Amino acid sequence: MSASVRGRGLQARGYFLGRGGSYAERQGFDKTPYWRQGMIDGQPFRWVVDPSHHNYSDSIHGLGQYYTLAAEGAQRDRARKAIDALVSYWVDNDLKIAKYDKSLPMVPILGLTDGKTLNTIIMMAVTGAKVDHHATEKEKFKIVYGQLIEQYVVKRLETFSTGSKRLALAKRQELLPWPLQMDFT
Protein backbone atom coordinates (compact mmCIF):
# COMPACT_ATOMS: atom_id res chain seq x y z
CA MET A 1 0.00 0.00 0.00
CA SER A 2 1.30 3.40 -0.91
CA ALA A 3 0.01 6.18 1.31
CA SER A 4 -0.81 9.44 -0.39
CA VAL A 5 -0.91 11.35 2.89
CA ARG A 6 2.64 12.63 2.36
CA GLY A 7 2.74 12.32 -1.40
CA ARG A 8 2.65 9.45 -3.84
CA GLY A 9 5.22 6.78 -3.21
CA LEU A 10 5.61 6.95 0.58
CA GLN A 11 4.96 3.34 1.40
CA ALA A 12 3.33 2.04 4.55
CA ARG A 13 5.29 -0.64 6.37
CA GLY A 14 1.98 -2.26 7.29
CA TYR A 15 -1.70 -1.46 7.66
CA PHE A 16 -5.09 -2.82 8.65
CA LEU A 17 -8.66 -1.67 8.13
CA GLY A 18 -10.32 -0.17 11.17
CA ARG A 19 -9.61 2.12 14.09
CA GLY A 20 -7.76 1.86 17.33
CA GLY A 21 -4.38 0.62 18.37
CA SER A 22 -2.64 -2.23 16.64
CA TYR A 23 -1.25 -5.24 18.46
CA ALA A 24 2.22 -3.68 18.12
CA GLU A 25 1.01 -0.45 19.70
CA ARG A 26 -0.71 -2.26 22.57
CA GLN A 27 2.45 -4.26 23.25
CA GLY A 28 4.70 -1.19 23.01
CA PHE A 29 6.89 -2.43 20.14
CA ASP A 30 9.53 -0.11 18.71
CA LYS A 31 7.32 1.06 15.80
CA THR A 32 4.60 2.40 18.14
CA PRO A 33 5.35 6.11 17.44
CA TYR A 34 5.02 5.51 13.70
CA TRP A 35 1.38 4.32 13.61
CA ARG A 36 -1.16 6.70 12.02
CA GLN A 37 -4.94 6.71 11.52
CA GLY A 38 -6.30 7.49 8.08
CA MET A 39 -9.14 7.03 5.61
CA ILE A 40 -9.02 5.42 2.20
CA ASP A 41 -12.02 4.99 -0.08
CA GLY A 42 -14.26 6.03 2.84
CA GLN A 43 -12.90 3.28 5.11
CA PRO A 44 -10.87 3.88 8.27
CA PHE A 45 -7.46 2.28 8.27
CA ARG A 46 -4.46 2.24 10.56
CA TRP A 47 -1.01 2.31 8.99
CA VAL A 48 2.59 2.39 10.12
CA VAL A 49 5.24 4.47 8.40
CA ASP A 50 9.03 3.93 8.53
CA PRO A 51 9.31 1.59 5.53
CA SER A 52 12.55 -0.18 4.71
CA HIS A 53 14.16 -0.89 1.37
CA HIS A 54 12.68 -4.41 1.63
CA ASN A 55 9.14 -2.98 1.65
CA TYR A 56 9.88 -1.08 -1.55
CA SER A 57 11.66 -4.00 -3.20
CA ASP A 58 8.93 -6.52 -2.38
CA SER A 59 6.16 -4.25 -3.64
CA ILE A 60 7.99 -3.35 -6.85
CA HIS A 61 8.81 -7.00 -7.47
CA GLY A 62 5.20 -8.11 -7.00
CA LEU A 63 3.73 -5.23 -8.97
CA GLY A 64 6.27 -5.81 -11.74
CA GLN A 65 5.24 -9.43 -12.07
CA TYR A 66 1.55 -8.51 -11.99
CA TYR A 67 2.06 -5.73 -14.56
CA THR A 68 4.05 -7.98 -16.90
CA LEU A 69 2.20 -11.28 -16.55
CA ALA A 70 -1.41 -10.73 -15.53
CA ALA A 71 -2.73 -7.17 -15.46
CA GLU A 72 -4.92 -5.90 -18.28
CA GLY A 73 -6.62 -2.62 -19.09
CA ALA A 74 -7.24 -0.33 -16.13
CA GLN A 75 -5.45 -2.69 -13.73
CA ARG A 76 -2.31 -2.57 -15.88
CA ASP A 77 -2.43 1.24 -15.82
CA ARG A 78 -2.95 1.19 -12.06
CA ALA A 79 0.00 -1.18 -11.56
CA ARG A 80 2.21 1.05 -13.76
CA LYS A 81 1.27 4.12 -11.73
CA ALA A 82 1.98 2.33 -8.44
CA ILE A 83 5.39 1.11 -9.67
CA ASP A 84 6.21 4.61 -10.88
CA ALA A 85 5.17 6.22 -7.58
CA LEU A 86 7.21 3.79 -5.48
CA VAL A 87 10.42 3.97 -7.52
CA SER A 88 10.12 7.71 -8.20
CA TYR A 89 9.88 8.30 -4.46
CA TRP A 90 13.50 7.27 -3.96
CA VAL A 91 14.88 8.08 -7.42
CA ASP A 92 13.62 11.67 -7.14
CA ASN A 93 15.08 11.93 -3.60
CA ASP A 94 18.68 11.16 -4.62
CA LEU A 95 18.20 7.41 -3.91
CA LYS A 96 16.87 8.09 -0.41
CA ILE A 97 13.58 7.29 1.33
CA ALA A 98 12.10 10.35 3.00
CA LYS A 99 10.36 9.78 6.32
CA TYR A 100 6.74 10.68 7.03
CA ASP A 101 8.11 13.12 9.61
CA LYS A 102 10.18 15.38 7.35
CA SER A 103 12.29 16.51 10.34
CA LEU A 104 13.88 13.03 10.45
CA PRO A 105 16.82 12.25 8.15
CA MET A 106 16.19 10.38 4.92
CA VAL A 107 17.42 6.79 4.65
CA PRO A 108 19.50 5.68 1.63
CA ILE A 109 17.71 3.07 -0.49
CA LEU A 110 21.16 1.53 -1.04
CA GLY A 111 21.81 1.14 2.68
CA LEU A 112 25.33 1.55 3.97
CA THR A 113 27.62 1.11 1.01
CA ASP A 114 31.19 1.86 0.07
CA GLY A 115 29.94 2.83 -3.39
CA LYS A 116 31.59 -0.11 -5.18
CA THR A 117 30.71 -3.40 -3.47
CA LEU A 118 27.57 -5.07 -4.79
CA ASN A 119 25.13 -6.45 -2.22
CA THR A 120 21.49 -7.55 -2.16
CA ILE A 121 20.28 -4.04 -1.31
CA ILE A 122 22.01 -2.64 -4.41
CA MET A 123 20.46 -5.43 -6.49
CA MET A 124 17.03 -4.45 -5.13
CA ALA A 125 17.57 -0.87 -6.35
CA VAL A 126 18.93 -2.05 -9.73
CA THR A 127 15.85 -4.24 -10.19
CA GLY A 128 13.48 -1.46 -9.10
CA ALA A 129 14.91 0.94 -11.66
CA LYS A 130 14.75 -1.74 -14.38
CA VAL A 131 11.14 -2.68 -13.54
CA ASP A 132 10.04 0.97 -13.57
CA HIS A 133 11.76 1.61 -16.88
CA HIS A 134 10.04 -1.50 -18.29
CA ALA A 135 6.63 -0.28 -17.09
CA THR A 136 6.92 3.43 -17.90
CA GLU A 137 9.78 3.75 -20.40
CA LYS A 138 10.84 6.90 -18.53
CA GLU A 139 14.42 7.88 -19.25
CA LYS A 140 15.26 8.73 -15.62
CA PHE A 141 14.91 5.06 -14.62
CA LYS A 142 17.07 3.90 -17.52
CA ILE A 143 19.72 6.39 -16.39
CA VAL A 144 19.64 5.28 -12.73
CA TYR A 145 19.70 1.63 -13.79
CA GLY A 146 22.72 2.29 -16.03
CA GLN A 147 24.55 4.25 -13.35
CA LEU A 148 24.05 1.51 -10.77
CA ILE A 149 25.12 -1.39 -12.98
CA GLU A 150 28.20 0.57 -14.05
CA GLN A 151 29.12 1.78 -10.55
CA TYR A 152 28.73 -1.69 -9.01
CA VAL A 153 30.29 -3.53 -12.01
CA VAL A 154 27.20 -5.71 -12.53
CA LYS A 155 27.98 -6.29 -16.23
CA ARG A 156 31.13 -8.24 -15.35
CA LEU A 157 29.62 -10.11 -12.40
CA GLU A 158 30.55 -13.81 -12.31
CA THR A 159 29.79 -14.69 -8.68
CA PHE A 160 27.72 -13.00 -6.03
CA SER A 161 28.59 -13.67 -2.40
CA THR A 162 26.22 -13.15 0.52
CA GLY A 163 28.18 -14.08 3.62
CA SER A 164 28.96 -17.79 3.60
CA LYS A 165 26.55 -18.50 0.74
CA ARG A 166 27.59 -18.07 -2.89
CA LEU A 167 25.29 -17.62 -5.82
CA ALA A 168 27.10 -18.69 -8.99
CA LEU A 169 25.30 -16.87 -11.76
CA ALA A 170 24.66 -18.98 -14.85
CA LYS A 171 25.98 -17.83 -18.21
CA ARG A 172 22.52 -18.37 -19.73
CA GLN A 173 19.87 -15.92 -18.51
CA GLU A 174 17.01 -18.40 -18.74
CA LEU A 175 18.53 -20.32 -15.82
CA LEU A 176 18.19 -17.35 -13.47
CA PRO A 177 15.09 -16.66 -11.38
CA TRP A 178 13.17 -13.45 -12.12
CA PRO A 179 14.10 -10.61 -11.42
CA LEU A 180 17.70 -11.64 -12.11
CA GLN A 181 16.76 -12.35 -15.74
CA MET A 182 17.93 -8.94 -16.85
CA ASP A 183 19.67 -7.80 -19.97
CA PHE A 184 22.66 -5.88 -18.64
CA THR A 185 23.62 -4.62 -22.09
C-alpha atoms as a PDB file:
ATOM      1  CA  MET A   1       0.000   0.000   0.000  1.00  0.00           C
ATOM      2  CA  SER A   2       1.299   3.402  -0.905  1.00  0.00           C
ATOM      3  CA  ALA A   3       0.011   6.176   1.311  1.00  0.00           C
ATOM      4  CA  SER A   4      -0.807   9.440  -0.394  1.00  0.00           C
ATOM      5  CA  VAL A   5      -0.913  11.349   2.888  1.00  0.00           C
ATOM      6  CA  ARG A   6       2.643  12.630   2.362  1.00  0.00           C
ATOM      7  CA  GLY A   7       2.737  12.316  -1.403  1.00  0.00           C
ATOM      8  CA  ARG A   8       2.650   9.448  -3.839  1.00  0.00           C
ATOM      9  CA  GLY A   9       5.224   6.785  -3.213  1.00  0.00           C
ATOM     10  CA  LEU A  10       5.614   6.949   0.578  1.00  0.00           C
ATOM     11  CA  GLN A  11       4.957   3.343   1.403  1.00  0.00           C
ATOM     12  CA  ALA A  12       3.329   2.039   4.547  1.00  0.00           C
ATOM     13  CA  ARG A  13       5.289  -0.643   6.372  1.00  0.00           C
ATOM     14  CA  GLY A  14       1.976  -2.255   7.289  1.00  0.00           C
ATOM     15  CA  TYR A  15      -1.704  -1.456   7.659  1.00  0.00           C
ATOM     16  CA  PHE A  16      -5.089  -2.821   8.654  1.00  0.00           C
ATOM     17  CA  LEU A  17      -8.656  -1.673   8.131  1.00  0.00           C
ATOM     18  CA  GLY A  18     -10.324  -0.168  11.173  1.00  0.00           C
ATOM     19  CA  ARG A  19      -9.612   2.124  14.087  1.00  0.00           C
ATOM     20  CA  GLY A  20      -7.759   1.864  17.332  1.00  0.00           C
ATOM     21  CA  GLY A  21      -4.382   0.622  18.368  1.00  0.00           C
ATOM     22  CA  SER A  22      -2.641  -2.233  16.641  1.00  0.00           C
ATOM     23  CA  TYR A  23      -1.245  -5.244  18.464  1.00  0.00           C
ATOM     24  CA  ALA A  24       2.225  -3.679  18.120  1.00  0.00           C
ATOM     25  CA  GLU A  25       1.008  -0.451  19.697  1.00  0.00           C
ATOM     26  CA  ARG A  26      -0.714  -2.259  22.565  1.00  0.00           C
ATOM     27  CA  GLN A  27       2.447  -4.263  23.247  1.00  0.00           C
ATOM     28  CA  GLY A  28       4.701  -1.190  23.005  1.00  0.00           C
ATOM     29  CA  PHE A  29       6.891  -2.428  20.141  1.00  0.00           C
ATOM     30  CA  ASP A  30       9.532  -0.108  18.707  1.00  0.00           C
ATOM     31  CA  LYS A  31       7.320   1.062  15.802  1.00  0.00           C
ATOM     32  CA  THR A  32       4.598   2.402  18.139  1.00  0.00           C
ATOM     33  CA  PRO A  33       5.354   6.109  17.439  1.00  0.00           C
ATOM     34  CA  TYR A  34       5.020   5.512  13.698  1.00  0.00           C
ATOM     35  CA  TRP A  35       1.377   4.322  13.609  1.00  0.00           C
ATOM     36  CA  ARG A  36      -1.162   6.698  12.015  1.00  0.00           C
ATOM     37  CA  GLN A  37      -4.944   6.714  11.524  1.00  0.00           C
ATOM     38  CA  GLY A  38      -6.305   7.490   8.075  1.00  0.00           C
ATOM     39  CA  MET A  39      -9.138   7.029   5.611  1.00  0.00           C
ATOM     40  CA  ILE A  40      -9.024   5.419   2.200  1.00  0.00           C
ATOM     41  CA  ASP A  41     -12.021   4.995  -0.076  1.00  0.00           C
ATOM     42  CA  GLY A  42     -14.259   6.032   2.844  1.00  0.00           C
ATOM     43  CA  GLN A  43     -12.903   3.281   5.111  1.00  0.00           C
ATOM     44  CA  PRO A  44     -10.875   3.877   8.270  1.00  0.00           C
ATOM     45  CA  PHE A  45      -7.464   2.278   8.272  1.00  0.00           C
ATOM     46  CA  ARG A  46      -4.461   2.240  10.562  1.00  0.00           C
ATOM     47  CA  TRP A  47      -1.012   2.314   8.990  1.00  0.00           C
ATOM     48  CA  VAL A  48       2.589   2.390  10.116  1.00  0.00           C
ATOM     49  CA  VAL A  49       5.243   4.468   8.398  1.00  0.00           C
ATOM     50  CA  ASP A  50       9.033   3.932   8.530  1.00  0.00           C
ATOM     51  CA  PRO A  51       9.308   1.592   5.527  1.00  0.00           C
ATOM     52  CA  SER A  52      12.555  -0.182   4.708  1.00  0.00           C
ATOM     53  CA  HIS A  53      14.162  -0.890   1.367  1.00  0.00           C
ATOM     54  CA  HIS A  54      12.679  -4.408   1.628  1.00  0.00           C
ATOM     55  CA  ASN A  55       9.144  -2.982   1.651  1.00  0.00           C
ATOM     56  CA  TYR A  56       9.878  -1.076  -1.545  1.00  0.00           C
ATOM     57  CA  SER A  57      11.658  -4.001  -3.201  1.00  0.00           C
ATOM     58  CA  ASP A  58       8.930  -6.524  -2.383  1.00  0.00           C
ATOM     59  CA  SER A  59       6.155  -4.246  -3.641  1.00  0.00           C
ATOM     60  CA  ILE A  60       7.988  -3.350  -6.847  1.00  0.00           C
ATOM     61  CA  HIS A  61       8.812  -7.003  -7.473  1.00  0.00           C
ATOM     62  CA  GLY A  62       5.198  -8.105  -6.997  1.00  0.00           C
ATOM     63  CA  LEU A  63       3.725  -5.227  -8.967  1.00  0.00           C
ATOM     64  CA  GLY A  64       6.273  -5.805 -11.744  1.00  0.00           C
ATOM     65  CA  GLN A  65       5.244  -9.425 -12.074  1.00  0.00           C
ATOM     66  CA  TYR A  66       1.554  -8.515 -11.990  1.00  0.00           C
ATOM     67  CA  TYR A  67       2.059  -5.731 -14.563  1.00  0.00           C
ATOM     68  CA  THR A  68       4.047  -7.982 -16.903  1.00  0.00           C
ATOM     69  CA  LEU A  69       2.201 -11.280 -16.551  1.00  0.00           C
ATOM     70  CA  ALA A  70      -1.411 -10.731 -15.531  1.00  0.00           C
ATOM     71  CA  ALA A  71      -2.735  -7.168 -15.464  1.00  0.00           C
ATOM     72  CA  GLU A  72      -4.924  -5.903 -18.279  1.00  0.00           C
ATOM     73  CA  GLY A  73      -6.620  -2.617 -19.086  1.00  0.00           C
ATOM     74  CA  ALA A  74      -7.239  -0.326 -16.129  1.00  0.00           C
ATOM     75  CA  GLN A  75      -5.453  -2.695 -13.732  1.00  0.00           C
ATOM     76  CA  ARG A  76      -2.307  -2.573 -15.876  1.00  0.00           C
ATOM     77  CA  ASP A  77      -2.425   1.236 -15.825  1.00  0.00           C
ATOM     78  CA  ARG A  78      -2.951   1.191 -12.057  1.00  0.00           C
ATOM     79  CA  ALA A  79       0.004  -1.175 -11.557  1.00  0.00           C
ATOM     80  CA  ARG A  80       2.214   1.047 -13.760  1.00  0.00           C
ATOM     81  CA  LYS A  81       1.272   4.123 -11.729  1.00  0.00           C
ATOM     82  CA  ALA A  82       1.976   2.333  -8.443  1.00  0.00           C
ATOM     83  CA  ILE A  83       5.386   1.110  -9.667  1.00  0.00           C
ATOM     84  CA  ASP A  84       6.208   4.607 -10.884  1.00  0.00           C
ATOM     85  CA  ALA A  85       5.170   6.216  -7.584  1.00  0.00           C
ATOM     86  CA  LEU A  86       7.206   3.786  -5.478  1.00  0.00           C
ATOM     87  CA  VAL A  87      10.416   3.973  -7.518  1.00  0.00           C
ATOM     88  CA  SER A  88      10.121   7.712  -8.203  1.00  0.00           C
ATOM     89  CA  TYR A  89       9.883   8.296  -4.463  1.00  0.00           C
ATOM     90  CA  TRP A  90      13.497   7.273  -3.958  1.00  0.00           C
ATOM     91  CA  VAL A  91      14.878   8.079  -7.425  1.00  0.00           C
ATOM     92  CA  ASP A  92      13.618  11.674  -7.137  1.00  0.00           C
ATOM     93  CA  ASN A  93      15.077  11.930  -3.601  1.00  0.00           C
ATOM     94  CA  ASP A  94      18.685  11.161  -4.615  1.00  0.00           C
ATOM     95  CA  LEU A  95      18.199   7.411  -3.911  1.00  0.00           C
ATOM     96  CA  LYS A  96      16.873   8.093  -0.406  1.00  0.00           C
ATOM     97  CA  ILE A  97      13.583   7.288   1.334  1.00  0.00           C
ATOM     98  CA  ALA A  98      12.101  10.353   3.001  1.00  0.00           C
ATOM     99  CA  LYS A  99      10.362   9.782   6.316  1.00  0.00           C
ATOM    100  CA  TYR A 100       6.744  10.676   7.029  1.00  0.00           C
ATOM    101  CA  ASP A 101       8.107  13.118   9.605  1.00  0.00           C
ATOM    102  CA  LYS A 102      10.181  15.375   7.350  1.00  0.00           C
ATOM    103  CA  SER A 103      12.294  16.507  10.342  1.00  0.00           C
ATOM    104  CA  LEU A 104      13.884  13.035  10.449  1.00  0.00           C
ATOM    105  CA  PRO A 105      16.824  12.247   8.147  1.00  0.00           C
ATOM    106  CA  MET A 106      16.191  10.384   4.917  1.00  0.00           C
ATOM    107  CA  VAL A 107      17.416   6.787   4.645  1.00  0.00           C
ATOM    108  CA  PRO A 108      19.499   5.680   1.633  1.00  0.00           C
ATOM    109  CA  ILE A 109      17.707   3.069  -0.494  1.00  0.00           C
ATOM    110  CA  LEU A 110      21.161   1.527  -1.044  1.00  0.00           C
ATOM    111  CA  GLY A 111      21.811   1.136   2.677  1.00  0.00           C
ATOM    112  CA  LEU A 112      25.329   1.548   3.972  1.00  0.00           C
ATOM    113  CA  THR A 113      27.624   1.111   1.012  1.00  0.00           C
ATOM    114  CA  ASP A 114      31.190   1.857   0.065  1.00  0.00           C
ATOM    115  CA  GLY A 115      29.945   2.831  -3.393  1.00  0.00           C
ATOM    116  CA  LYS A 116      31.586  -0.111  -5.181  1.00  0.00           C
ATOM    117  CA  THR A 117      30.712  -3.403  -3.466  1.00  0.00           C
ATOM    118  CA  LEU A 118      27.575  -5.069  -4.792  1.00  0.00           C
ATOM    119  CA  ASN A 119      25.129  -6.447  -2.222  1.00  0.00           C
ATOM    120  CA  THR A 120      21.492  -7.551  -2.164  1.00  0.00           C
ATOM    121  CA  ILE A 121      20.276  -4.037  -1.307  1.00  0.00           C
ATOM    122  CA  ILE A 122      22.013  -2.639  -4.409  1.00  0.00           C
ATOM    123  CA  MET A 123      20.456  -5.434  -6.491  1.00  0.00           C
ATOM    124  CA  MET A 124      17.027  -4.447  -5.131  1.00  0.00           C
ATOM    125  CA  ALA A 125      17.571  -0.875  -6.353  1.00  0.00           C
ATOM    126  CA  VAL A 126      18.928  -2.049  -9.734  1.00  0.00           C
ATOM    127  CA  THR A 127      15.854  -4.236 -10.185  1.00  0.00           C
ATOM    128  CA  GLY A 128      13.480  -1.460  -9.097  1.00  0.00           C
ATOM    129  CA  ALA A 129      14.910   0.939 -11.660  1.00  0.00           C
ATOM    130  CA  LYS A 130      14.748  -1.743 -14.379  1.00  0.00           C
ATOM    131  CA  VAL A 131      11.138  -2.682 -13.538  1.00  0.00           C
ATOM    132  CA  ASP A 132      10.036   0.970 -13.574  1.00  0.00           C
ATOM    133  CA  HIS A 133      11.760   1.606 -16.883  1.00  0.00           C
ATOM    134  CA  HIS A 134      10.042  -1.503 -18.285  1.00  0.00           C
ATOM    135  CA  ALA A 135       6.634  -0.282 -17.095  1.00  0.00           C
ATOM    136  CA  THR A 136       6.925   3.431 -17.897  1.00  0.00           C
ATOM    137  CA  GLU A 137       9.777   3.752 -20.399  1.00  0.00           C
ATOM    138  CA  LYS A 138      10.838   6.904 -18.526  1.00  0.00           C
ATOM    139  CA  GLU A 139      14.419   7.879 -19.250  1.00  0.00           C
ATOM    140  CA  LYS A 140      15.260   8.734 -15.618  1.00  0.00           C
ATOM    141  CA  PHE A 141      14.915   5.065 -14.619  1.00  0.00           C
ATOM    142  CA  LYS A 142      17.072   3.899 -17.518  1.00  0.00           C
ATOM    143  CA  ILE A 143      19.725   6.395 -16.391  1.00  0.00           C
ATOM    144  CA  VAL A 144      19.638   5.280 -12.729  1.00  0.00           C
ATOM    145  CA  TYR A 145      19.702   1.632 -13.790  1.00  0.00           C
ATOM    146  CA  GLY A 146      22.719   2.288 -16.034  1.00  0.00           C
ATOM    147  CA  GLN A 147      24.551   4.251 -13.346  1.00  0.00           C
ATOM    148  CA  LEU A 148      24.047   1.505 -10.766  1.00  0.00           C
ATOM    149  CA  ILE A 149      25.124  -1.387 -12.982  1.00  0.00           C
ATOM    150  CA  GLU A 150      28.198   0.572 -14.054  1.00  0.00           C
ATOM    151  CA  GLN A 151      29.117   1.777 -10.547  1.00  0.00           C
ATOM    152  CA  TYR A 152      28.734  -1.692  -9.008  1.00  0.00           C
ATOM    153  CA  VAL A 153      30.287  -3.534 -12.007  1.00  0.00           C
ATOM    154  CA  VAL A 154      27.200  -5.711 -12.532  1.00  0.00           C
ATOM    155  CA  LYS A 155      27.981  -6.294 -16.226  1.00  0.00           C
ATOM    156  CA  ARG A 156      31.131  -8.241 -15.351  1.00  0.00           C
ATOM    157  CA  LEU A 157      29.625 -10.110 -12.402  1.00  0.00           C
ATOM    158  CA  GLU A 158      30.553 -13.806 -12.310  1.00  0.00           C
ATOM    159  CA  THR A 159      29.789 -14.691  -8.680  1.00  0.00           C
ATOM    160  CA  PHE A 160      27.724 -13.000  -6.033  1.00  0.00           C
ATOM    161  CA  SER A 161      28.586 -13.671  -2.402  1.00  0.00           C
ATOM    162  CA  THR A 162      26.221 -13.147   0.520  1.00  0.00           C
ATOM    163  CA  GLY A 163      28.183 -14.077   3.617  1.00  0.00           C
ATOM    164  CA  SER A 164      28.957 -17.786   3.599  1.00  0.00           C
ATOM    165  CA  LYS A 165      26.549 -18.497   0.739  1.00  0.00           C
ATOM    166  CA  ARG A 166      27.585 -18.073  -2.886  1.00  0.00           C
ATOM    167  CA  LEU A 167      25.292 -17.622  -5.824  1.00  0.00           C
ATOM    168  CA  ALA A 168      27.099 -18.689  -8.988  1.00  0.00           C
ATOM    169  CA  LEU A 169      25.298 -16.875 -11.757  1.00  0.00           C
ATOM    170  CA  ALA A 170      24.664 -18.975 -14.854  1.00  0.00           C
ATOM    171  CA  LYS A 171      25.982 -17.834 -18.207  1.00  0.00           C
ATOM    172  CA  ARG A 172      22.520 -18.372 -19.733  1.00  0.00           C
ATOM    173  CA  GLN A 173      19.873 -15.916 -18.514  1.00  0.00           C
ATOM    174  CA  GLU A 174      17.015 -18.396 -18.744  1.00  0.00           C
ATOM    175  CA  LEU A 175      18.527 -20.323 -15.821  1.00  0.00           C
ATOM    176  CA  LEU A 176      18.190 -17.353 -13.474  1.00  0.00           C
ATOM    177  CA  PRO A 177      15.085 -16.656 -11.384  1.00  0.00           C
ATOM    178  CA  TRP A 178      13.168 -13.451 -12.115  1.00  0.00           C
ATOM    179  CA  PRO A 179      14.097 -10.611 -11.421  1.00  0.00           C
ATOM    180  CA  LEU A 180      17.699 -11.642 -12.111  1.00  0.00           C
ATOM    181  CA  GLN A 181      16.762 -12.346 -15.742  1.00  0.00           C
ATOM    182  CA  MET A 182      17.928  -8.942 -16.852  1.00  0.00           C
ATOM    183  CA  ASP A 183      19.665  -7.805 -19.966  1.00  0.00           C
ATOM    184  CA  PHE A 184      22.663  -5.877 -18.636  1.00  0.00           C
ATOM    185  CA  THR A 185      23.618  -4.616 -22.094  1.00  0.00           C
END
